[in-house]
Amino acid sequence: MRGLKTFRSARILATGHAFIQNLRRAHYDIANDAPVHHRLPAAFHELALVI
């Protein structure tokens, strides 16, 4: 548990986990047309193009 020494670290980890779960469940308009198993990589590809 080296990375969770502070509350801030735990909050960032929980926020990131929630974001990934929401992407997988298609709660956002990112990569909704991709198949379920390819939704997460497609979403990160779309996000990389925007950034």
N, C-alpha and C. Protein backbone atom coordinates (compact mmCIF):
# COMPACT_ATOMS: atom_id res chain seq x y z
N MET A 1 0.82 -1.18 0.00
CA MET A 1 0.00 0.00 0.00
C MET A 1 0.87 1.25 0.00
N ARG A 2 1.92 1.24 -0.72
CA ARG A 2 2.83 2.39 -0.73
C ARG A 2 2.20 3.65 -1.29
N GLY A 3 1.32 3.51 -2.28
CA GLY A 3 0.78 4.69 -2.95
C GLY A 3 -0.39 5.33 -2.24
N LEU A 4 -0.95 4.70 -1.22
CA LEU A 4 -2.12 5.25 -0.54
C LEU A 4 -1.78 5.75 0.86
N LYS A 5 -0.73 6.51 0.97
CA LYS A 5 -0.33 7.02 2.27
C LYS A 5 -1.15 8.24 2.67
N THR A 6 -1.74 8.91 1.70
CA THR A 6 -2.52 10.11 2.01
C THR A 6 -3.95 9.94 1.49
N PHE A 7 -4.83 10.74 2.03
CA PHE A 7 -6.21 10.73 1.59
C PHE A 7 -6.31 11.19 0.14
N ARG A 8 -5.46 12.12 -0.26
CA ARG A 8 -5.46 12.62 -1.63
C ARG A 8 -5.19 11.50 -2.63
N SER A 9 -4.23 10.64 -2.32
CA SER A 9 -3.91 9.51 -3.19
C SER A 9 -5.10 8.56 -3.34
N ALA A 10 -5.77 8.29 -2.24
CA ALA A 10 -6.94 7.41 -2.28
C ALA A 10 -8.07 8.04 -3.08
N ARG A 11 -8.25 9.35 -2.94
CA ARG A 11 -9.30 10.05 -3.68
C ARG A 11 -9.03 10.01 -5.18
N ILE A 12 -7.79 10.24 -5.58
CA ILE A 12 -7.43 10.21 -6.99
C ILE A 12 -7.62 8.81 -7.58
N LEU A 13 -7.22 7.80 -6.83
CA LEU A 13 -7.39 6.42 -7.28
C LEU A 13 -8.87 6.08 -7.43
N ALA A 14 -9.69 6.46 -6.48
CA ALA A 14 -11.13 6.17 -6.54
C ALA A 14 -11.79 6.91 -7.69
N THR A 15 -11.39 8.15 -7.93
CA THR A 15 -11.95 8.92 -9.04
C THR A 15 -11.58 8.29 -10.38
N GLY A 16 -10.34 7.87 -10.53
CA GLY A 16 -9.92 7.22 -11.76
C GLY A 16 -10.65 5.91 -11.98
N HIS A 17 -10.83 5.14 -10.93
CA HIS A 17 -11.54 3.87 -11.04
C HIS A 17 -13.00 4.11 -11.46
N ALA A 18 -13.64 5.09 -10.88
CA ALA A 18 -15.02 5.41 -11.23
C ALA A 18 -15.12 5.86 -12.69
N PHE A 19 -14.15 6.63 -13.15
CA PHE A 19 -14.14 7.09 -14.54
C PHE A 19 -14.03 5.91 -15.50
N ILE A 20 -13.14 4.98 -15.22
CA ILE A 20 -12.96 3.80 -16.08
C ILE A 20 -14.23 2.96 -16.09
N GLN A 21 -14.85 2.75 -14.93
CA GLN A 21 -16.09 1.97 -14.88
C GLN A 21 -17.20 2.64 -15.67
N ASN A 22 -17.30 3.96 -15.58
CA ASN A 22 -18.32 4.68 -16.34
C ASN A 22 -18.06 4.60 -17.84
N LEU A 23 -16.79 4.62 -18.25
CA LEU A 23 -16.48 4.44 -19.67
C LEU A 23 -16.90 3.06 -20.14
N ARG A 24 -16.61 2.04 -19.36
CA ARG A 24 -16.97 0.67 -19.73
C ARG A 24 -18.47 0.47 -19.84
N ARG A 25 -19.21 1.15 -18.98
CA ARG A 25 -20.66 0.99 -18.96
C ARG A 25 -21.38 1.95 -19.91
N ALA A 26 -20.61 2.71 -20.69
CA ALA A 26 -21.13 3.62 -21.71
C ALA A 26 -22.00 4.72 -21.12
N HIS A 27 -21.60 5.26 -19.98
CA HIS A 27 -22.33 6.38 -19.39
C HIS A 27 -21.95 7.70 -20.06
N TYR A 28 -20.89 7.70 -20.84
CA TYR A 28 -20.46 8.89 -21.57
C TYR A 28 -20.69 8.65 -23.06
N ASP A 29 -20.65 9.72 -23.83
CA ASP A 29 -20.84 9.61 -25.27
C ASP A 29 -19.54 9.28 -26.00
N ILE A 30 -18.57 8.75 -25.29
CA ILE A 30 -17.28 8.40 -25.87
C ILE A 30 -17.29 6.91 -26.19
N ALA A 31 -17.07 6.57 -27.43
CA ALA A 31 -16.90 5.18 -27.88
C ALA A 31 -18.12 4.30 -27.60
N ASN A 32 -19.30 4.86 -27.68
CA ASN A 32 -20.51 4.06 -27.47
C ASN A 32 -20.75 3.07 -28.60
N ASP A 33 -20.26 3.39 -29.80
CA ASP A 33 -20.49 2.52 -30.94
C ASP A 33 -19.52 1.34 -31.00
N ALA A 34 -18.50 1.35 -30.17
CA ALA A 34 -17.52 0.26 -30.16
C ALA A 34 -18.09 -0.95 -29.41
N PRO A 35 -17.66 -2.15 -29.77
CA PRO A 35 -18.08 -3.33 -29.01
C PRO A 35 -17.62 -3.23 -27.55
N VAL A 36 -18.28 -3.97 -26.69
CA VAL A 36 -18.03 -3.86 -25.25
C VAL A 36 -16.56 -4.13 -24.91
N HIS A 37 -15.95 -5.13 -25.53
CA HIS A 37 -14.57 -5.49 -25.21
C HIS A 37 -13.56 -4.49 -25.77
N HIS A 38 -13.98 -3.67 -26.72
CA HIS A 38 -13.07 -2.70 -27.32
C HIS A 38 -13.43 -1.26 -26.95
N ARG A 39 -14.38 -1.09 -26.06
CA ARG A 39 -14.85 0.25 -25.73
C ARG A 39 -13.80 1.07 -24.99
N LEU A 40 -13.10 0.48 -24.06
CA LEU A 40 -12.12 1.22 -23.28
C LEU A 40 -10.93 1.68 -24.13
N PRO A 41 -10.31 0.81 -24.94
CA PRO A 41 -9.23 1.30 -25.80
C PRO A 41 -9.70 2.34 -26.81
N ALA A 42 -10.92 2.18 -27.32
CA ALA A 42 -11.45 3.16 -28.28
C ALA A 42 -11.68 4.51 -27.60
N ALA A 43 -12.15 4.48 -26.37
CA ALA A 43 -12.37 5.72 -25.63
C ALA A 43 -11.06 6.45 -25.37
N PHE A 44 -10.02 5.71 -24.99
CA PHE A 44 -8.74 6.35 -24.75
C PHE A 44 -8.13 6.88 -26.04
N HIS A 45 -8.38 6.20 -27.15
CA HIS A 45 -7.90 6.71 -28.44
C HIS A 45 -8.60 8.02 -28.78
N GLU A 46 -9.91 8.09 -28.57
CA GLU A 46 -10.65 9.33 -28.83
C GLU A 46 -10.20 10.45 -27.90
N LEU A 47 -9.96 10.13 -26.64
CA LEU A 47 -9.47 11.14 -25.70
C LEU A 47 -8.10 11.63 -26.08
N ALA A 48 -7.23 10.75 -26.57
CA ALA A 48 -5.89 11.15 -26.98
C ALA A 48 -5.94 12.09 -28.18
N LEU A 49 -6.90 11.90 -29.07
CA LEU A 49 -7.04 12.79 -30.22
C LEU A 49 -7.48 14.19 -29.79
N VAL A 50 -8.29 14.26 -28.76
CA VAL A 50 -8.77 15.55 -28.28
C VAL A 50 -7.67 16.31 -27.54
N ILE A 51 -6.89 15.58 -26.79
CA ILE A 51 -5.81 16.23 -26.02
C ILE A 51 -4.70 16.59 -26.95
